[in-house]
């Protein structure tokens, strides 16, 4: 083989190797391309997941803050409502007797008028009439508000439920355990005893009873 032929063969081999190298490079690039695409796809999915989690976190934080604000408002409203109820209750107790007091003030007015007239007029009878009228008005006011006088008079049987024995008497004209004297009137408020009648009770000794039976 001549030198020219050798050079030609050598050149041809070199070109063949070069082509083979280029083909190998193209194959490697072709193999790396899908890998890069997969990595980019995974990164994109992760970024999307992070973004979703971030938005969910912000949404939960906002809802939590709104819930806290709502609880605070409800707590404040409840406290205000409780204070308002307490004030209304206090006012109700404080002014519960306002109507009664207004009625009694009318009685006071009449008493003051009676005193003024008594200073100008020495007529005792007129003063008595004025006082009796005022007393009647006063009793009417009490009755209007459920106050009732406990009936008690001399000779009535003593009742510990409505009477209070203050002293004992020994009278032969009355039976034992009878009221001999009413010292102070008692009253009920809507059928509840608010002040018992203070009375003296007759209590005869047994020897007196025996002596009366022998005399008979």
Protein backbone atom coordinates (compact mmCIF):
# COMPACT_ATOMS: atom_id res chain seq x y z
CA UNK A 1 0.00 0.00 0.00
CA UNK A 2 1.36 3.34 -1.01
CA UNK A 3 1.77 6.28 1.29
CA UNK A 4 -1.18 8.06 -0.30
CA UNK A 5 -3.42 5.10 0.24
CA UNK A 6 -2.35 4.88 3.88
CA UNK A 7 -3.05 8.56 4.39
CA UNK A 8 -6.46 8.19 2.77
CA UNK A 9 -7.35 5.20 4.98
CA UNK A 10 -6.06 7.01 8.07
CA UNK A 11 -8.11 10.09 7.24
CA UNK A 12 -11.14 7.98 6.59
CA UNK A 13 -10.76 6.26 9.98
CA UNK A 14 -10.39 9.58 11.73
CA UNK A 15 -13.55 10.91 10.11
CA UNK A 16 -15.38 7.72 11.11
CA UNK A 17 -14.24 8.09 14.74
CA UNK A 18 -15.27 11.71 14.74
CA UNK A 19 -18.72 10.79 13.48
CA UNK A 20 -19.00 8.08 16.10
CA UNK A 21 -18.01 10.56 18.85
CA UNK A 22 -20.59 13.04 17.69
CA UNK A 23 -23.23 10.32 17.63
CA UNK A 24 -22.27 9.31 21.19
CA UNK A 25 -22.58 12.93 22.36
CA UNK A 26 -26.00 13.29 20.73
CA UNK A 27 -27.13 10.09 22.45
CA UNK A 28 -25.93 11.32 25.85
CA UNK A 29 -27.71 14.63 25.38
CA UNK A 30 -30.83 12.75 24.33
CA UNK A 31 -30.62 10.61 27.48
CA UNK A 32 -30.10 13.62 29.79
CA UNK A 33 -33.05 15.57 28.33
CA UNK A 34 -35.83 13.39 29.89
CA UNK A 35 -34.04 13.46 33.26
CA UNK A 36 -33.95 17.26 33.24
CA UNK A 37 -37.61 17.40 32.30
CA UNK A 38 -38.53 15.05 35.19
CA UNK A 39 -36.54 17.15 37.67
CA UNK A 40 -38.16 20.34 36.46
CA UNK A 41 -41.62 18.72 36.70
CA UNK A 42 -40.94 17.53 40.28
CA UNK A 43 -39.70 20.97 41.28
CA UNK A 44 -42.79 22.58 39.80
CA UNK A 45 -45.10 20.22 41.69
CA UNK A 46 -43.25 20.87 44.95
CA UNK A 47 -43.46 24.62 44.40
CA UNK A 48 -47.18 24.31 43.78
CA UNK A 49 -47.64 22.23 46.95
CA UNK A 50 -45.67 24.78 48.98
CA UNK A 51 -47.79 27.59 47.56
CA UNK A 52 -51.01 25.70 48.43
CA UNK A 53 -49.76 25.03 51.98
CA UNK A 54 -48.79 28.66 52.35
CA UNK A 55 -52.25 29.82 51.26
CA UNK A 56 -53.93 27.28 53.60
CA UNK A 57 -51.78 28.53 56.46
CA UNK A 58 -52.73 32.15 55.77
CA UNK A 59 -56.41 31.17 55.52
CA UNK A 60 -56.31 29.29 58.83
CA UNK A 61 -54.51 32.17 60.53
CA UNK A 62 -57.18 34.58 59.28
CA UNK A 63 -60.02 32.30 60.42
CA UNK A 64 -58.38 31.88 63.83
CA UNK A 65 -58.07 35.64 64.26
CA UNK A 66 -61.69 36.12 63.23
CA UNK A 67 -62.75 33.46 65.76
CA UNK A 68 -60.76 35.20 68.51
CA UNK A 69 -62.34 38.54 67.65
CA UNK A 70 -65.80 36.95 67.70
CA UNK A 71 -65.16 35.39 71.12
CA UNK A 72 -63.99 38.76 72.46
CA UNK A 73 -67.11 40.49 71.12
CA UNK A 74 -69.40 37.82 72.60
CA UNK A 75 -67.58 38.07 75.93
CA UNK A 76 -67.92 41.85 75.95
CA UNK A 77 -71.61 41.66 75.00
CA UNK A 78 -72.25 39.07 77.73
CA UNK A 79 -70.49 41.20 80.32
CA UNK A 80 -72.49 44.28 79.30
CA UNK A 81 -75.72 42.28 79.39
CA UNK A 82 -74.90 40.95 82.86
CA UNK A 83 -74.14 44.46 84.13
CA UNK A 84 -77.37 45.78 82.61
CA UNK A 85 -79.40 43.00 84.25
CA UNK A 86 -77.70 43.66 87.60
CA UNK A 87 -78.49 47.38 87.35
CA UNK A 88 -82.10 46.70 86.35
CA UNK A 89 -82.44 44.27 89.25
CA UNK A 90 -80.96 46.80 91.69
CA UNK A 91 -83.26 49.52 90.38
CA UNK A 92 -86.25 47.19 90.63
CA UNK A 93 -85.49 46.46 94.28
CA UNK A 94 -84.61 50.08 95.02
CA UNK A 95 -87.80 51.49 93.54
CA UNK A 96 -90.12 48.54 94.26
CA UNK A 97 -92.10 50.58 96.80
CA UNK A 98 -92.27 53.74 94.72
CA UNK A 99 -96.02 53.41 94.17
CA UNK A 100 -96.65 52.82 97.87
CA UNK A 101 -94.52 55.80 98.84
CA UNK A 102 -96.40 58.06 96.42
CA UNK A 103 -99.68 56.96 98.01
CA UNK A 104 -98.32 57.58 101.51
CA UNK A 105 -97.13 61.03 100.48
CA UNK A 106 -100.77 61.92 99.86
CA UNK A 107 -101.51 60.91 103.45
CA UNK A 108 -98.63 63.10 104.63
CA UNK A 109 -100.10 65.99 102.68
CA UNK A 110 -103.46 65.58 104.43
CA UNK A 111 -101.83 65.37 107.86
CA UNK A 112 -99.89 68.56 107.18
CA UNK A 113 -103.09 70.26 106.05
CA UNK A 114 -104.86 69.10 109.22
CA UNK A 115 -102.08 70.57 111.37
CA UNK A 116 -102.21 73.86 109.49
CA UNK A 117 -105.97 74.11 109.97
CA UNK A 118 -105.69 73.20 113.66
CA UNK A 119 -103.32 76.14 114.13
CA UNK A 120 -105.90 78.50 112.64
CA UNK A 121 -109.00 76.89 114.13
CA UNK A 122 -109.27 75.73 117.73
CA UNK A 123 -112.27 73.53 116.90
CA UNK A 124 -111.27 70.10 118.21
CA UNK A 125 -114.12 68.39 116.40
CA UNK A 126 -112.88 69.64 113.02
CA UNK A 127 -109.36 68.39 113.80
CA UNK A 128 -110.75 65.02 114.82
CA UNK A 129 -112.69 64.74 111.57
CA UNK A 130 -109.55 65.60 109.59
CA UNK A 131 -107.45 63.01 111.41
CA UNK A 132 -110.13 60.32 110.97
CA UNK A 133 -110.34 61.08 107.27
CA UNK A 134 -106.56 60.85 106.95
CA UNK A 135 -106.49 57.57 108.90
CA UNK A 136 -109.13 56.10 106.62
CA UNK A 137 -107.14 57.15 103.57
CA UNK A 138 -104.02 55.63 105.07
CA UNK A 139 -105.78 52.30 105.71
CA UNK A 140 -107.15 52.31 102.17
CA UNK A 141 -103.61 52.66 100.83
CA UNK A 142 -102.41 49.73 102.96
CA UNK A 143 -105.33 47.60 101.83
CA UNK A 144 -104.59 48.45 98.21
CA UNK A 145 -101.11 46.98 98.63
CA UNK A 146 -102.32 43.78 100.30
CA UNK A 147 -102.05 44.82 103.94
CA UNK A 148 -104.84 43.39 106.12
CA UNK A 149 -105.51 44.00 109.79
CA UNK A 150 -105.59 40.91 112.02
CA UNK A 151 -108.91 40.91 113.80
CA UNK A 152 -108.46 40.65 117.55
CA UNK A 153 -110.70 41.80 120.38
CA UNK A 154 -111.37 41.11 124.00
CA UNK A 155 -112.83 37.63 124.53
CA UNK A 156 -111.39 36.09 121.35
CA UNK A 157 -109.48 32.83 121.76
CA UNK A 158 -105.71 33.31 121.78
CA UNK A 159 -104.12 32.03 118.52
CA UNK A 160 -100.29 31.75 118.63
CA UNK A 161 -100.21 31.86 114.82
CA UNK A 162 -101.37 35.48 114.72
CA UNK A 163 -101.19 36.64 118.35
CA UNK A 164 -98.22 37.35 120.61
CA UNK A 165 -98.82 37.07 124.35
CA UNK A 166 -97.17 39.98 126.15
CA UNK A 167 -98.68 39.61 129.62
CA UNK A 168 -101.10 37.39 131.56
CA UNK A 169 -104.30 38.55 133.28
CA UNK A 170 -106.48 36.84 135.83
CA UNK A 171 -110.05 37.81 135.11
CA UNK A 172 -113.01 35.76 136.25
CA UNK A 173 -115.34 37.22 133.63
CA UNK A 174 -113.33 35.67 130.80
CA UNK A 175 -112.43 32.09 129.94
CA UNK A 176 -108.93 30.76 130.09
CA UNK A 177 -106.73 31.35 127.05
CA UNK A 178 -108.82 34.30 125.91
CA UNK A 179 -107.58 37.73 124.90
CA UNK A 180 -108.17 40.17 127.71
CA UNK A 181 -106.61 43.25 126.07
CA UNK A 182 -105.29 44.14 122.63
CA UNK A 183 -102.11 46.15 123.16
CA UNK A 184 -101.09 46.58 119.53
CA UNK A 185 -102.83 45.58 116.31
CA UNK A 186 -101.27 42.99 114.02
CA UNK A 187 -101.19 42.93 110.21
CA UNK A 188 -100.84 40.50 107.31
CA UNK A 189 -99.30 41.16 103.91
CA UNK A 190 -100.93 38.99 101.25
CA UNK A 191 -102.06 36.54 103.98
CA UNK A 192 -98.58 36.37 105.53
CA UNK A 193 -98.28 37.63 109.10
CA UNK A 194 -95.83 40.53 109.12
CA UNK A 195 -96.66 41.67 112.64
CA UNK A 196 -98.52 39.63 115.24
CA UNK A 197 -101.17 41.25 117.41
CA UNK A 198 -99.66 41.98 120.81
CA UNK A 199 -102.19 40.95 123.44
CA UNK A 200 -102.73 40.18 127.10
CA UNK A 201 -104.05 36.68 127.72
CA UNK A 202 -106.39 35.61 130.48
CA UNK A 203 -105.09 32.79 132.67
CA UNK A 204 -107.08 31.90 135.77
CA UNK A 205 -105.56 29.84 138.52
CA UNK A 206 -106.97 26.35 139.06
CA UNK A 207 -107.96 27.00 142.67
CA UNK A 208 -110.16 29.82 141.51
CA UNK A 209 -111.80 27.49 139.02
CA UNK A 210 -112.44 24.91 141.78
CA UNK A 211 -113.87 27.57 144.09
CA UNK A 212 -116.23 28.79 141.33
CA UNK A 213 -117.46 25.21 140.76
CA UNK A 214 -118.15 24.78 144.51
CA UNK A 215 -120.03 28.06 144.62
CA UNK A 216 -122.22 26.90 141.79
